[in-house]
Amino acid sequence: MAAEHDTVDKVTGKSTTGHVWDGIKELNNPLPAWWLYLFYITIVWGIGYVIAYPAIPLATTFTKGLLGYASRDVIEQDMEGLKAIRGESMIQLASAEPAKIVADPKLLGVARALGKAAFGTNCAPCHGQGAQGARSYPNLNDDNWLWGGTLADIKQTITHGIRNENAESRQGNMPAFGRDGLLPKADIPHVAAYVQKLAGRKVDGNFDLKKGEKLFAENCAACHGDAGKGMIEVGAPNLAADIWLYGGDHATIVETLTNGRGGVMPGWSGRLDAATINALTVYVHTLGGGR
C-alpha cells in the first residue's frame, strides 16, 4: 500500500517514498551520481552508434550508418588479403594434379594446411575432427575404403560425392532383401550369422551356417565376393575385415539385410574451388590410410 504523503524515517532520518510493504518503508535514496552519469553516457553512446553504424532494420534493407561500415566488407577484404598472401601457391594447387602436389614438399605443406582447415569446416561434422568417423560415417584414417583410397579415388569422391543428385556421383546401394521380398525374412538371420563368421566373429545362436553360406553365394557374392572381401567398384565393403560402418552385431546385420543401406555424401565441386578440393584430397590421403 502507499501513504498519502512522504514521511521521514525515524531511524535513518531520511525521507521515504511513501511506499510501505509488510511494515517496511521504502527510503527515498537517490541513485549515486557516478551511476547516473554512466547511464547518461551509455544513452549518448547508443544514439551515436545507431547514427554511425548499421543498426536499424527496415522493410527490405537497414540503415547503413554515416561511417558506411559493414562487417561483410571487412571479411571480403581479409579474404582478398589472404589470397594475395597465398598467391602463387593457390594457383599451383588449383592447376596441379594431387600426385604432383604430394611430390612437391612446399606444395604438400600448403595443401595439408589448407586441407586441414577445409576439413574442419566442411567434413568434420560427419567424419569427426580427427577423421575417425562414426556410425554410418567412414573412418578416414585406416586403409579400409569403400570406393578406393588412391589420390584419384579420393578426389572423385570429394568432387562428386556419393549417391546424390550429381550425375557423376558414385552409385551403388545395398538392396533391402527383406523389405523388398528378395529373401524370405526367415532366411535373413542365417545369412547374417554367416556374415559374422566371415568377419571372424563368434556366432551366438542356433543358425544354419551352411544355408547362410549358400544364400550369401547366391545373393551377396556378386558385390562382396565369394570370400566377402568387397568390391571397390560398387562400394561394397570388405566383410572379412571386421570393420563396420553401421555395426557388426547380429541384430544390426539383420537390419542391414532387411532394409538395405545407402548413405549419401554431398559433392563439393559446386561449393569448393579447385585448390581447396585438391588440398582436401591430399590431406585425406595423408591421414594414414591413403593408398
C-alpha atoms as a PDB file:
ATOM      1  CA  MET A   1       0.000   0.000   0.000  1.00  0.00           C
ATOM      2  CA  ALA A   2       1.099   3.648  -0.269  1.00  0.00           C
ATOM      3  CA  ALA A   3       0.919   6.535   2.179  1.00  0.00           C
ATOM      4  CA  GLU A   4      -0.636   9.775   1.031  1.00  0.00           C
ATOM      5  CA  HIS A   5       2.452  11.904   1.853  1.00  0.00           C
ATOM      6  CA  ASP A   6       6.180  11.295   2.146  1.00  0.00           C
ATOM      7  CA  THR A   7       7.357  10.794   5.694  1.00  0.00           C
ATOM      8  CA  VAL A   8      10.720  10.815   7.451  1.00  0.00           C
ATOM      9  CA  ASP A   9      12.155   7.556   8.709  1.00  0.00           C
ATOM     10  CA  LYS A  10      12.901   7.925  12.437  1.00  0.00           C
ATOM     11  CA  VAL A  11      15.885   5.535  12.366  1.00  0.00           C
ATOM     12  CA  THR A  12      17.828   6.981   9.403  1.00  0.00           C
ATOM     13  CA  GLY A  13      16.412  10.461   9.346  1.00  0.00           C
ATOM     14  CA  LYS A  14      15.801  10.142   5.609  1.00  0.00           C
ATOM     15  CA  SER A  15      12.569  10.771   3.785  1.00  0.00           C
ATOM     16  CA  THR A  16      10.601   7.863   2.419  1.00  0.00           C
ATOM     17  CA  THR A  17       8.790   7.449  -0.855  1.00  0.00           C
ATOM     18  CA  GLY A  18       5.522   6.764   0.908  1.00  0.00           C
ATOM     19  CA  HIS A  19       5.563   3.110  -0.209  1.00  0.00           C
ATOM     20  CA  VAL A  20       5.114   0.569   2.561  1.00  0.00           C
ATOM     21  CA  TRP A  21       5.083  -3.208   2.275  1.00  0.00           C
ATOM     22  CA  ASP A  22       4.594  -5.531   5.188  1.00  0.00           C
ATOM     23  CA  GLY A  23       5.550  -2.728   7.566  1.00  0.00           C
ATOM     24  CA  ILE A  24       8.749  -1.889   5.686  1.00  0.00           C
ATOM     25  CA  LYS A  25       9.063   1.688   4.421  1.00  0.00           C
ATOM     26  CA  GLU A  26      10.975   2.442   1.223  1.00  0.00           C
ATOM     27  CA  LEU A  27      13.645   5.092   1.730  1.00  0.00           C
ATOM     28  CA  ASN A  28      13.899   7.808  -0.886  1.00  0.00           C
ATOM     29  CA  ASN A  29      17.616   7.272  -1.603  1.00  0.00           C
ATOM     30  CA  PRO A  30      18.757   8.917  -4.837  1.00  0.00           C
ATOM     31  CA  LEU A  31      20.962   6.924  -7.195  1.00  0.00           C
ATOM     32  CA  PRO A  32      24.707   7.644  -6.911  1.00  0.00           C
ATOM     33  CA  ALA A  33      25.844  10.466  -9.180  1.00  0.00           C
ATOM     34  CA  TRP A  34      28.546   8.293 -10.819  1.00  0.00           C
ATOM     35  CA  TRP A  35      25.924   5.697 -11.729  1.00  0.00           C
ATOM     36  CA  LEU A  36      23.622   8.295 -13.257  1.00  0.00           C
ATOM     37  CA  TYR A  37      26.478   9.844 -15.275  1.00  0.00           C
ATOM     38  CA  LEU A  38      27.451   6.431 -16.652  1.00  0.00           C
ATOM     39  CA  PHE A  39      23.834   5.759 -17.543  1.00  0.00           C
ATOM     40  CA  TYR A  40      23.575   9.059 -19.416  1.00  0.00           C
ATOM     41  CA  ILE A  41      26.865   8.336 -21.215  1.00  0.00           C
ATOM     42  CA  THR A  42      25.554   4.943 -22.410  1.00  0.00           C
ATOM     43  CA  ILE A  43      22.439   6.648 -23.790  1.00  0.00           C
ATOM     44  CA  VAL A  44      24.543   9.149 -25.719  1.00  0.00           C
ATOM     45  CA  TRP A  45      26.863   6.347 -26.880  1.00  0.00           C
ATOM     46  CA  GLY A  46      23.914   4.264 -28.078  1.00  0.00           C
ATOM     47  CA  ILE A  47      22.446   7.136 -30.074  1.00  0.00           C
ATOM     48  CA  GLY A  48      25.849   7.847 -31.619  1.00  0.00           C
ATOM     49  CA  TYR A  49      26.328   4.155 -32.509  1.00  0.00           C
ATOM     50  CA  VAL A  50      22.947   3.988 -34.244  1.00  0.00           C
ATOM     51  CA  ILE A  51      23.861   7.057 -36.287  1.00  0.00           C
ATOM     52  CA  ALA A  52      27.403   5.942 -37.155  1.00  0.00           C
ATOM     53  CA  TYR A  53      26.956   2.200 -37.813  1.00  0.00           C
ATOM     54  CA  PRO A  54      24.384  -0.105 -39.472  1.00  0.00           C
ATOM     55  CA  ALA A  55      21.731  -0.623 -36.837  1.00  0.00           C
ATOM     56  CA  ILE A  56      18.037  -0.224 -37.664  1.00  0.00           C
ATOM     57  CA  PRO A  57      16.276  -2.894 -39.772  1.00  0.00           C
ATOM     58  CA  LEU A  58      13.928  -1.576 -42.434  1.00  0.00           C
ATOM     59  CA  ALA A  59      11.423  -3.332 -44.715  1.00  0.00           C
ATOM     60  CA  THR A  60      13.964  -4.681 -47.236  1.00  0.00           C
ATOM     61  CA  THR A  61      17.298  -3.285 -46.001  1.00  0.00           C
ATOM     62  CA  PHE A  62      18.777  -1.474 -42.983  1.00  0.00           C
ATOM     63  CA  THR A  63      20.302   1.867 -42.094  1.00  0.00           C
ATOM     64  CA  LYS A  64      23.892   1.971 -43.360  1.00  0.00           C
ATOM     65  CA  GLY A  65      25.327   4.448 -40.832  1.00  0.00           C
ATOM     66  CA  LEU A  66      27.348   7.562 -41.529  1.00  0.00           C
ATOM     67  CA  LEU A  67      30.645   5.636 -41.445  1.00  0.00           C
ATOM     68  CA  GLY A  68      29.490   3.162 -44.116  1.00  0.00           C
ATOM     69  CA  TYR A  69      30.947   0.250 -42.128  1.00  0.00           C
ATOM     70  CA  ALA A  70      29.931  -3.361 -42.846  1.00  0.00           C
ATOM     71  CA  SER A  71      31.498  -6.462 -41.302  1.00  0.00           C
ATOM     72  CA  ARG A  72      30.957  -8.363 -44.567  1.00  0.00           C
ATOM     73  CA  ASP A  73      33.166  -5.828 -46.363  1.00  0.00           C
ATOM     74  CA  VAL A  74      35.891  -6.370 -43.773  1.00  0.00           C
ATOM     75  CA  ILE A  75      35.694 -10.141 -44.247  1.00  0.00           C
ATOM     76  CA  GLU A  76      35.889  -9.783 -48.018  1.00  0.00           C
ATOM     77  CA  GLN A  77      38.935  -7.522 -47.672  1.00  0.00           C
ATOM     78  CA  ASP A  78      40.571 -10.037 -45.334  1.00  0.00           C
ATOM     79  CA  MET A  79      39.876 -12.859 -47.800  1.00  0.00           C
ATOM     80  CA  GLU A  80      41.382 -10.854 -50.633  1.00  0.00           C
ATOM     81  CA  GLY A  81      44.423 -10.188 -48.495  1.00  0.00           C
ATOM     82  CA  LEU A  82      44.709 -13.892 -47.716  1.00  0.00           C
ATOM     83  CA  LYS A  83      44.519 -14.722 -51.418  1.00  0.00           C
ATOM     84  CA  ALA A  84      47.293 -12.207 -52.110  1.00  0.00           C
ATOM     85  CA  ILE A  85      49.485 -13.801 -49.432  1.00  0.00           C
ATOM     86  CA  ARG A  86      48.864 -17.305 -50.726  1.00  0.00           C
ATOM     87  CA  GLY A  87      49.160 -16.098 -54.286  1.00  0.00           C
ATOM     88  CA  GLU A  88      51.192 -18.427 -56.457  1.00  0.00           C
ATOM     89  CA  SER A  89      50.744 -21.410 -54.155  1.00  0.00           C
ATOM     90  CA  MET A  90      46.971 -21.315 -54.594  1.00  0.00           C
ATOM     91  CA  ILE A  91      47.313 -21.086 -58.367  1.00  0.00           C
ATOM     92  CA  GLN A  92      49.589 -24.114 -58.363  1.00  0.00           C
ATOM     93  CA  LEU A  93      47.251 -26.044 -56.050  1.00  0.00           C
ATOM     94  CA  ALA A  94      44.335 -25.356 -58.351  1.00  0.00           C
ATOM     95  CA  SER A  95      46.120 -26.425 -61.528  1.00  0.00           C
ATOM     96  CA  ALA A  96      48.312 -29.316 -60.337  1.00  0.00           C
ATOM     97  CA  GLU A  97      47.186 -32.913 -60.040  1.00  0.00           C
ATOM     98  CA  PRO A  98      47.235 -34.268 -56.453  1.00  0.00           C
ATOM     99  CA  ALA A  99      50.122 -36.629 -57.277  1.00  0.00           C
ATOM    100  CA  LYS A 100      52.259 -33.661 -58.308  1.00  0.00           C
ATOM    101  CA  ILE A 101      51.321 -31.805 -55.133  1.00  0.00           C
ATOM    102  CA  VAL A 102      52.385 -34.768 -52.985  1.00  0.00           C
ATOM    103  CA  ALA A 103      55.738 -34.897 -54.797  1.00  0.00           C
ATOM    104  CA  ASP A 104      56.457 -31.196 -54.101  1.00  0.00           C
ATOM    105  CA  PRO A 105      57.378 -30.658 -50.404  1.00  0.00           C
ATOM    106  CA  LYS A 106      56.452 -26.959 -50.484  1.00  0.00           C
ATOM    107  CA  LEU A 107      53.084 -27.532 -52.162  1.00  0.00           C
ATOM    108  CA  LEU A 108      52.441 -30.517 -49.915  1.00  0.00           C
ATOM    109  CA  GLY A 109      52.852 -28.341 -46.820  1.00  0.00           C
ATOM    110  CA  VAL A 110      50.463 -25.723 -48.167  1.00  0.00           C
ATOM    111  CA  ALA A 111      47.956 -28.383 -49.221  1.00  0.00           C
ATOM    112  CA  ARG A 112      47.960 -30.085 -45.835  1.00  0.00           C
ATOM    113  CA  ALA A 113      47.463 -26.784 -44.011  1.00  0.00           C
ATOM    114  CA  LEU A 114      44.638 -25.679 -46.311  1.00  0.00           C
ATOM    115  CA  GLY A 115      43.154 -29.173 -46.396  1.00  0.00           C
ATOM    116  CA  LYS A 116      43.099 -29.454 -42.612  1.00  0.00           C
ATOM    117  CA  ALA A 117      41.263 -26.135 -42.307  1.00  0.00           C
ATOM    118  CA  ALA A 118      38.788 -27.069 -45.054  1.00  0.00           C
ATOM    119  CA  PHE A 119      38.236 -30.495 -43.498  1.00  0.00           C
ATOM    120  CA  GLY A 120      37.441 -28.969 -40.100  1.00  0.00           C
ATOM    121  CA  THR A 121      34.874 -26.649 -41.669  1.00  0.00           C
ATOM    122  CA  ASN A 122      33.217 -28.954 -44.201  1.00  0.00           C
ATOM    123  CA  CYS A 123      33.923 -32.598 -43.353  1.00  0.00           C
ATOM    124  CA  ALA A 124      34.401 -32.822 -39.583  1.00  0.00           C
ATOM    125  CA  PRO A 125      30.680 -32.506 -38.728  1.00  0.00           C
ATOM    126  CA  CYS A 126      30.237 -36.027 -40.167  1.00  0.00           C
ATOM    127  CA  HIS A 127      33.689 -37.623 -40.073  1.00  0.00           C
ATOM    128  CA  GLY A 128      34.923 -36.003 -36.838  1.00  0.00           C
ATOM    129  CA  GLN A 129      37.749 -33.522 -36.296  1.00  0.00           C
ATOM    130  CA  GLY A 130      40.263 -36.363 -36.316  1.00  0.00           C
ATOM    131  CA  ALA A 131      38.570 -38.066 -39.304  1.00  0.00           C
ATOM    132  CA  GLN A 132      37.863 -41.008 -37.010  1.00  0.00           C
ATOM    133  CA  GLY A 133      34.335 -41.370 -38.349  1.00  0.00           C
ATOM    134  CA  ALA A 134      31.219 -42.502 -36.513  1.00  0.00           C
ATOM    135  CA  ARG A 135      28.304 -44.856 -37.049  1.00  0.00           C
ATOM    136  CA  SER A 136      27.413 -44.581 -40.779  1.00  0.00           C
ATOM    137  CA  TYR A 137      30.376 -42.212 -41.410  1.00  0.00           C
ATOM    138  CA  PRO A 138      33.643 -43.903 -42.517  1.00  0.00           C
ATOM    139  CA  ASN A 139      36.908 -43.667 -40.603  1.00  0.00           C
ATOM    140  CA  LEU A 140      39.331 -41.973 -42.995  1.00  0.00           C
ATOM    141  CA  ASN A 141      42.446 -42.890 -41.009  1.00  0.00           C
ATOM    142  CA  ASP A 142      42.513 -46.596 -41.802  1.00  0.00           C
ATOM    143  CA  ASP A 143      43.135 -48.325 -45.122  1.00  0.00           C
ATOM    144  CA  ASN A 144      39.652 -49.779 -45.489  1.00  0.00           C
ATOM    145  CA  TRP A 145      37.973 -47.917 -48.347  1.00  0.00           C
ATOM    146  CA  LEU A 146      34.506 -48.368 -49.787  1.00  0.00           C
ATOM    147  CA  TRP A 147      35.310 -46.523 -53.016  1.00  0.00           C
ATOM    148  CA  GLY A 148      39.115 -46.613 -53.095  1.00  0.00           C
ATOM    149  CA  GLY A 149      41.881 -44.757 -51.288  1.00  0.00           C
ATOM    150  CA  THR A 150      44.138 -43.611 -54.123  1.00  0.00           C
ATOM    151  CA  LEU A 151      44.537 -39.893 -54.785  1.00  0.00           C
ATOM    152  CA  ALA A 152      42.344 -40.192 -57.885  1.00  0.00           C
ATOM    153  CA  ASP A 153      39.673 -42.156 -55.998  1.00  0.00           C
ATOM    154  CA  ILE A 154      39.564 -39.678 -53.121  1.00  0.00           C
ATOM    155  CA  LYS A 155      39.366 -36.684 -55.457  1.00  0.00           C
ATOM    156  CA  GLN A 156      36.493 -38.280 -57.364  1.00  0.00           C
ATOM    157  CA  THR A 157      34.596 -38.914 -54.129  1.00  0.00           C
ATOM    158  CA  ILE A 158      35.157 -35.397 -52.793  1.00  0.00           C
ATOM    159  CA  THR A 159      34.347 -33.726 -56.094  1.00  0.00           C
ATOM    160  CA  HIS A 160      31.136 -35.549 -56.969  1.00  0.00           C
ATOM    161  CA  GLY A 161      30.067 -37.256 -53.744  1.00  0.00           C
ATOM    162  CA  ILE A 162      28.123 -40.458 -53.245  1.00  0.00           C
ATOM    163  CA  ARG A 163      24.505 -41.263 -54.125  1.00  0.00           C
ATOM    164  CA  ASN A 164      23.414 -37.663 -54.572  1.00  0.00           C
ATOM    165  CA  GLU A 165      21.790 -35.664 -57.356  1.00  0.00           C
ATOM    166  CA  ASN A 166      25.123 -35.197 -59.146  1.00  0.00           C
ATOM    167  CA  ALA A 167      25.117 -37.347 -62.293  1.00  0.00           C
ATOM    168  CA  GLU A 168      28.797 -38.197 -61.726  1.00  0.00           C
ATOM    169  CA  SER A 169      28.431 -39.146 -58.085  1.00  0.00           C
ATOM    170  CA  ARG A 170      29.278 -42.679 -57.054  1.00  0.00           C
ATOM    171  CA  GLN A 171      26.277 -45.008 -57.079  1.00  0.00           C
ATOM    172  CA  GLY A 172      25.539 -48.440 -55.693  1.00  0.00           C
ATOM    173  CA  ASN A 173      23.057 -49.359 -52.966  1.00  0.00           C
ATOM    174  CA  MET A 174      22.755 -52.241 -50.584  1.00  0.00           C
ATOM    175  CA  PRO A 175      19.446 -53.911 -51.547  1.00  0.00           C
ATOM    176  CA  ALA A 176      16.671 -54.294 -48.998  1.00  0.00           C
ATOM    177  CA  PHE A 177      16.500 -58.089 -49.193  1.00  0.00           C
ATOM    178  CA  GLY A 178      13.798 -58.464 -46.579  1.00  0.00           C
ATOM    179  CA  ARG A 179      11.674 -55.393 -47.202  1.00  0.00           C
ATOM    180  CA  ASP A 180      11.570 -55.944 -50.966  1.00  0.00           C
ATOM    181  CA  GLY A 181      10.998 -59.675 -50.730  1.00  0.00           C
ATOM    182  CA  LEU A 182      14.319 -60.664 -52.311  1.00  0.00           C
ATOM    183  CA  LEU A 183      14.875 -63.137 -49.481  1.00  0.00           C
ATOM    184  CA  PRO A 184      12.393 -64.759 -47.112  1.00  0.00           C
ATOM    185  CA  LYS A 185      12.654 -62.976 -43.768  1.00  0.00           C
ATOM    186  CA  ALA A 186      13.154 -66.326 -42.050  1.00  0.00           C
ATOM    187  CA  ASP A 187      16.387 -66.845 -44.030  1.00  0.00           C
ATOM    188  CA  ILE A 188      17.950 -63.483 -43.240  1.00  0.00           C
ATOM    189  CA  PRO A 189      19.209 -64.392 -39.716  1.00  0.00           C
ATOM    190  CA  HIS A 190      21.165 -67.334 -41.217  1.00  0.00           C
ATOM    191  CA  VAL A 191      22.839 -65.048 -43.763  1.00  0.00           C
ATOM    192  CA  ALA A 192      23.650 -62.543 -41.002  1.00  0.00           C
ATOM    193  CA  ALA A 193      25.253 -65.289 -38.930  1.00  0.00           C
ATOM    194  CA  TYR A 194      27.374 -66.371 -41.901  1.00  0.00           C
ATOM    195  CA  VAL A 195      28.498 -62.762 -42.433  1.00  0.00           C
ATOM    196  CA  GLN A 196      29.617 -62.677 -38.795  1.00  0.00           C
ATOM    197  CA  LYS A 197      31.578 -65.866 -39.399  1.00  0.00           C
ATOM    198  CA  LEU A 198      33.269 -64.282 -42.452  1.00  0.00           C
ATOM    199  CA  ALA A 199      34.420 -61.446 -40.212  1.00  0.00           C
ATOM    200  CA  GLY A 200      35.857 -63.885 -37.688  1.00  0.00           C
ATOM    201  CA  ARG A 201      33.229 -63.060 -35.096  1.00  0.00           C
ATOM    202  CA  LYS A 202      31.729 -65.534 -32.654  1.00  0.00           C
ATOM    203  CA  VAL A 203      28.318 -66.681 -33.804  1.00  0.00           C
ATOM    204  CA  ASP A 204      25.852 -66.993 -30.944  1.00  0.00           C
ATOM    205  CA  GLY A 205      22.581 -68.736 -31.579  1.00  0.00           C
ATOM    206  CA  ASN A 206      21.141 -71.701 -33.423  1.00  0.00           C
ATOM    207  CA  PHE A 207      21.762 -70.661 -37.030  1.00  0.00           C
ATOM    208  CA  ASP A 208      22.257 -72.780 -40.143  1.00  0.00           C
ATOM    209  CA  LEU A 209      25.641 -71.519 -41.376  1.00  0.00           C
ATOM    210  CA  LYS A 210      25.601 -73.852 -44.380  1.00  0.00           C
ATOM    211  CA  LYS A 211      22.329 -72.363 -45.500  1.00  0.00           C
ATOM    212  CA  GLY A 212      23.652 -68.877 -44.801  1.00  0.00           C
ATOM    213  CA  GLU A 213      26.737 -69.590 -46.922  1.00  0.00           C
ATOM    214  CA  LYS A 214      24.597 -70.837 -49.814  1.00  0.00           C
ATOM    215  CA  LEU A 215      22.305 -67.799 -49.674  1.00  0.00           C
ATOM    216  CA  PHE A 216      25.312 -65.476 -49.446  1.00  0.00           C
ATOM    217  CA  ALA A 217      26.816 -67.018 -52.577  1.00  0.00           C
ATOM    218  CA  GLU A 218      23.542 -66.640 -54.442  1.00  0.00           C
ATOM    219  CA  ASN A 219      22.646 -63.112 -53.344  1.00  0.00           C
ATOM    220  CA  CYS A 220      25.661 -61.271 -51.907  1.00  0.00           C
ATOM    221  CA  ALA A 221      28.822 -62.617 -53.547  1.00  0.00           C
ATOM    222  CA  ALA A 222      28.181 -60.705 -56.784  1.00  0.00           C
ATOM    223  CA  CYS A 223      29.131 -57.484 -54.962  1.00  0.00           C
ATOM    224  CA  HIS A 224      31.029 -58.626 -51.879  1.00  0.00           C
ATOM    225  CA  GLY A 225      32.914 -61.523 -53.489  1.00  0.00           C
ATOM    226  CA  ASP A 226      32.889 -65.187 -52.593  1.00  0.00           C
ATOM    227  CA  ALA A 227      35.111 -64.556 -49.566  1.00  0.00           C
ATOM    228  CA  GLY A 228      33.249 -61.361 -48.644  1.00  0.00           C
ATOM    229  CA  LYS A 229      36.243 -59.119 -49.293  1.00  0.00           C
ATOM    230  CA  GLY A 230      34.201 -56.465 -51.069  1.00  0.00           C
ATOM    231  CA  MET A 231      34.385 -54.652 -54.363  1.00  0.00           C
ATOM    232  CA  ILE A 232      35.534 -51.036 -54.585  1.00  0.00           C
ATOM    233  CA  GLU A 233      33.907 -50.564 -57.988  1.00  0.00           C
ATOM    234  CA  VAL A 234      30.419 -50.674 -56.443  1.00  0.00           C
ATOM    235  CA  GLY A 235      31.288 -49.502 -52.938  1.00  0.00           C
ATOM    236  CA  ALA A 236      30.689 -52.944 -51.406  1.00  0.00           C
ATOM    237  CA  PRO A 237      32.557 -53.195 -48.064  1.00  0.00           C
ATOM    238  CA  ASN A 238      35.035 -55.878 -47.103  1.00  0.00           C
ATOM    239  CA  LEU A 239      33.018 -58.007 -44.706  1.00  0.00           C
ATOM    240  CA  ALA A 240      36.019 -60.122 -43.738  1.00  0.00           C
ATOM    241  CA  ALA A 241      37.877 -57.137 -42.252  1.00  0.00           C
ATOM    242  CA  ASP A 242      35.561 -56.876 -39.225  1.00  0.00           C
ATOM    243  CA  ILE A 243      35.328 -53.119 -39.795  1.00  0.00           C
ATOM    244  CA  TRP A 244      31.723 -51.981 -39.741  1.00  0.00           C
ATOM    245  CA  LEU A 245      30.063 -48.800 -40.894  1.00  0.00           C
ATOM    246  CA  TYR A 246      26.730 -49.495 -39.200  1.00  0.00           C
ATOM    247  CA  GLY A 247      27.654 -52.224 -36.740  1.00  0.00           C
ATOM    248  CA  GLY A 248      28.681 -55.881 -36.809  1.00  0.00           C
ATOM    249  CA  ASP A 249      26.406 -57.416 -34.205  1.00  0.00           C
ATOM    250  CA  HIS A 250      23.857 -59.936 -35.419  1.00  0.00           C
ATOM    251  CA  ALA A 251      20.830 -57.655 -34.946  1.00  0.00           C
ATOM    252  CA  THR A 252      22.395 -54.806 -36.931  1.00  0.00           C
ATOM    253  CA  ILE A 253      23.410 -57.095 -39.796  1.00  0.00           C
ATOM    254  CA  VAL A 254      19.854 -58.442 -39.904  1.00  0.00           C
ATOM    255  CA  GLU A 255      18.615 -54.840 -40.069  1.00  0.00           C
ATOM    256  CA  THR A 256      21.040 -54.095 -42.908  1.00  0.00           C
ATOM    257  CA  LEU A 257      19.956 -57.155 -44.886  1.00  0.00           C
ATOM    258  CA  THR A 258      16.289 -56.421 -44.261  1.00  0.00           C
ATOM    259  CA  ASN A 259      16.139 -52.707 -45.115  1.00  0.00           C
ATOM    260  CA  GLY A 260      19.357 -52.099 -47.048  1.00  0.00           C
ATOM    261  CA  ARG A 261      21.821 -49.220 -46.740  1.00  0.00           C
ATOM    262  CA  GLY A 262      22.611 -46.216 -48.892  1.00  0.00           C
ATOM    263  CA  GLY A 263      24.393 -43.322 -47.192  1.00  0.00           C
ATOM    264  CA  VAL A 264      24.697 -40.034 -49.054  1.00  0.00           C
ATOM    265  CA  MET A 265      27.734 -37.760 -49.307  1.00  0.00           C
ATOM    266  CA  PRO A 266      27.442 -34.336 -50.976  1.00  0.00           C
ATOM    267  CA  GLY A 267      29.572 -33.417 -53.949  1.00  0.00           C
ATOM    268  CA  TRP A 268      31.807 -30.430 -53.273  1.00  0.00           C
ATOM    269  CA  SER A 269      32.583 -29.329 -56.819  1.00  0.00           C
ATOM    270  CA  GLY A 270      29.991 -26.542 -56.711  1.00  0.00           C
ATOM    271  CA  ARG A 271      30.865 -25.457 -53.170  1.00  0.00           C
ATOM    272  CA  LEU A 272      34.661 -25.512 -53.008  1.00  0.00           C
ATOM    273  CA  ASP A 273      37.203 -24.208 -55.508  1.00  0.00           C
ATOM    274  CA  ALA A 274      39.703 -26.430 -57.314  1.00  0.00           C
ATOM    275  CA  ALA A 275      42.576 -25.544 -54.988  1.00  0.00           C
ATOM    276  CA  THR A 276      40.588 -26.500 -51.890  1.00  0.00           C
ATOM    277  CA  ILE A 277      39.381 -29.787 -53.413  1.00  0.00           C
ATOM    278  CA  ASN A 278      42.963 -30.727 -54.305  1.00  0.00           C
ATOM    279  CA  ALA A 279      44.123 -29.737 -50.823  1.00  0.00           C
ATOM    280  CA  LEU A 280      41.375 -31.844 -49.219  1.00  0.00           C
ATOM    281  CA  THR A 281      42.315 -34.777 -51.449  1.00  0.00           C
ATOM    282  CA  VAL A 282      45.928 -34.608 -50.352  1.00  0.00           C
ATOM    283  CA  TYR A 283      45.022 -34.067 -46.682  1.00  0.00           C
ATOM    284  CA  VAL A 284      42.687 -37.064 -46.530  1.00  0.00           C
ATOM    285  CA  HIS A 285      45.225 -39.199 -48.429  1.00  0.00           C
ATOM    286  CA  THR A 286      47.975 -38.366 -45.927  1.00  0.00           C
ATOM    287  CA  LEU A 287      45.883 -39.010 -42.821  1.00  0.00           C
ATOM    288  CA  GLY A 288      47.302 -42.510 -42.709  1.00  0.00           C
ATOM    289  CA  GLY A 289      45.018 -44.652 -44.826  1.00  0.00           C
ATOM    290  CA  GLY A 290      45.618 -43.381 -48.344  1.00  0.00           C
ATOM    291  CA  ARG A 291      46.854 -45.901 -50.880  1.00  0.00           C
END
